Amino acid sequence: MRKEYDLKKLKVKRRGKLPELAESSIENAKLRITISLDKDLIEYFKEEAKKPGSLPYQTQINQALRALIPGSSEHSRLYQQVKGELLHDKDFMLSLKAELKKAG
C-alpha cells in the first residue's frame, strides 16, 4: 500500500445508473430543489436531528410533508394517532357531545 496516491490520475468510468439503483422507480426519486422555509422550522428540525437515533433533518421535513398527503401511509398513521388521542380526551368528548346535541 502506498503512503500517498496521486488523485489526479484517478479515472472514474461509469455509464448509466449504478447497478443497485437500476431497479428503483423514478416516481420515488429524490429531487434536489431550492425552497424557502421559516428559520424557526429549520432550527426545530435540525435540533430534532441532533437527538440520538434521529433521522437527518431533511428526511424529517420530507416525512412531515408526506403526512399531509391524503391517502399516504404516513397520513393514515397520523390520522389514526390523532383519532386515538381525541377519543380518549374527556374534554373533547364532552364538547363533541354538546355539539351533537345542538345539531339535533
Protein backbone atom coordinates (compact mmCIF):
# COMPACT_ATOMS: atom_id res chain seq x y z
CA MET A 1 0.00 0.00 0.00
CA ARG A 2 1.35 3.43 -0.95
CA LYS A 3 1.75 6.25 1.56
CA GLU A 4 0.33 8.71 -0.94
CA TYR A 5 -1.85 8.44 -4.00
CA ASP A 6 -1.97 10.83 -6.94
CA LEU A 7 -5.70 11.52 -7.27
CA LYS A 8 -5.17 13.46 -10.49
CA LYS A 9 -4.51 10.16 -12.25
CA LEU A 10 -7.74 8.64 -10.93
CA LYS A 11 -10.13 7.77 -13.72
CA VAL A 12 -13.80 7.24 -12.98
CA LYS A 13 -15.80 5.48 -15.63
CA ARG A 14 -19.49 4.98 -15.10
CA ARG A 15 -22.22 4.73 -17.65
CA GLY A 16 -25.83 4.97 -16.57
CA LYS A 17 -27.27 4.19 -13.16
CA LEU A 18 -25.38 2.28 -10.52
CA PRO A 19 -26.46 -1.38 -10.58
CA GLU A 20 -28.11 -1.13 -7.16
CA LEU A 21 -30.22 1.80 -8.39
CA ALA A 22 -31.23 0.29 -11.73
CA GLU A 23 -34.41 -1.22 -10.30
CA SER A 24 -35.54 1.88 -8.41
CA SER A 25 -38.58 3.74 -9.65
CA ILE A 26 -38.28 7.27 -10.98
CA GLU A 27 -41.52 8.10 -9.15
CA ASN A 28 -39.79 7.70 -5.79
CA ALA A 29 -36.61 9.52 -6.76
CA LYS A 30 -35.44 12.37 -4.59
CA LEU A 31 -35.27 15.70 -6.40
CA ARG A 32 -32.95 18.49 -5.43
CA ILE A 33 -34.87 21.75 -5.14
CA THR A 34 -34.48 25.15 -3.56
CA ILE A 35 -37.19 26.12 -1.11
CA SER A 36 -37.51 28.96 1.37
CA LEU A 37 -38.71 27.93 4.83
CA ASP A 38 -39.02 29.91 8.03
CA LYS A 39 -35.87 29.91 10.14
CA ASP A 40 -37.64 28.53 13.21
CA LEU A 41 -38.83 25.49 11.23
CA ILE A 42 -35.33 24.66 10.06
CA GLU A 43 -33.90 25.18 13.55
CA TYR A 44 -36.58 22.89 15.02
CA PHE A 45 -35.83 20.04 12.62
CA LYS A 46 -32.06 20.48 12.98
CA GLU A 47 -32.39 20.28 16.78
CA GLU A 48 -34.54 17.16 16.45
CA ALA A 49 -31.91 15.63 14.17
CA LYS A 50 -29.24 16.08 16.87
CA LYS A 51 -31.06 13.69 19.21
CA PRO A 52 -29.65 10.16 19.39
CA GLY A 53 -31.19 7.83 16.83
CA SER A 54 -32.91 10.65 14.95
CA LEU A 55 -33.18 10.90 11.21
CA PRO A 56 -31.45 13.73 9.29
CA TYR A 57 -33.43 16.98 9.38
CA GLN A 58 -34.23 16.93 5.66
CA THR A 59 -35.70 13.43 5.99
CA GLN A 60 -37.82 14.61 8.91
CA ILE A 61 -39.13 17.54 6.85
CA ASN A 62 -39.91 15.13 3.99
CA GLN A 63 -41.86 12.85 6.36
CA ALA A 64 -43.77 15.79 7.85
CA LEU A 65 -44.82 16.91 4.36
CA ARG A 66 -45.72 13.36 3.34
CA ALA A 67 -48.01 13.09 6.38
CA LEU A 68 -50.13 15.88 4.88
CA ILE A 69 -50.90 13.97 1.68
CA PRO A 70 -54.30 12.26 1.95
CA GLY A 71 -54.08 8.55 1.28
CA SER A 72 -50.40 8.20 2.13
CA SER A 73 -49.48 5.64 4.77
CA GLU A 74 -47.90 8.40 6.87
CA HIS A 75 -51.12 10.43 6.62
CA SER A 76 -53.14 7.38 7.69
CA ARG A 77 -50.81 6.71 10.62
CA LEU A 78 -51.02 10.32 11.77
CA TYR A 79 -54.82 10.32 11.36
CA GLN A 80 -55.14 7.18 13.48
CA GLN A 81 -52.84 8.61 16.15
CA VAL A 82 -54.82 11.87 16.41
CA LYS A 83 -58.11 10.00 16.34
CA GLY A 84 -56.97 7.75 19.20
CA GLU A 85 -55.87 10.70 21.30
CA LEU A 86 -59.11 12.60 20.74
CA LEU A 87 -61.28 9.59 21.60
CA HIS A 88 -59.52 9.34 24.97
CA ASP A 89 -59.72 13.09 25.69
CA LYS A 90 -62.70 13.59 28.05
CA ASP A 91 -62.93 17.35 27.41
CA PHE A 92 -63.04 16.78 23.67
CA MET A 93 -65.68 14.07 24.02
CA LEU A 94 -67.85 16.31 26.23
CA SER A 95 -67.55 19.15 23.72
CA LEU A 96 -68.46 16.78 20.90
CA LYS A 97 -71.48 15.54 22.84
CA ALA A 98 -72.65 19.15 23.35
CA GLU A 99 -72.21 19.93 19.65
CA LEU A 100 -74.16 16.83 18.65
CA LYS A 101 -77.00 17.81 20.96
CA LYS A 102 -77.12 21.24 19.32
CA ALA A 103 -77.20 19.69 15.87
CA GLY A 104 -80.17 17.65 17.00
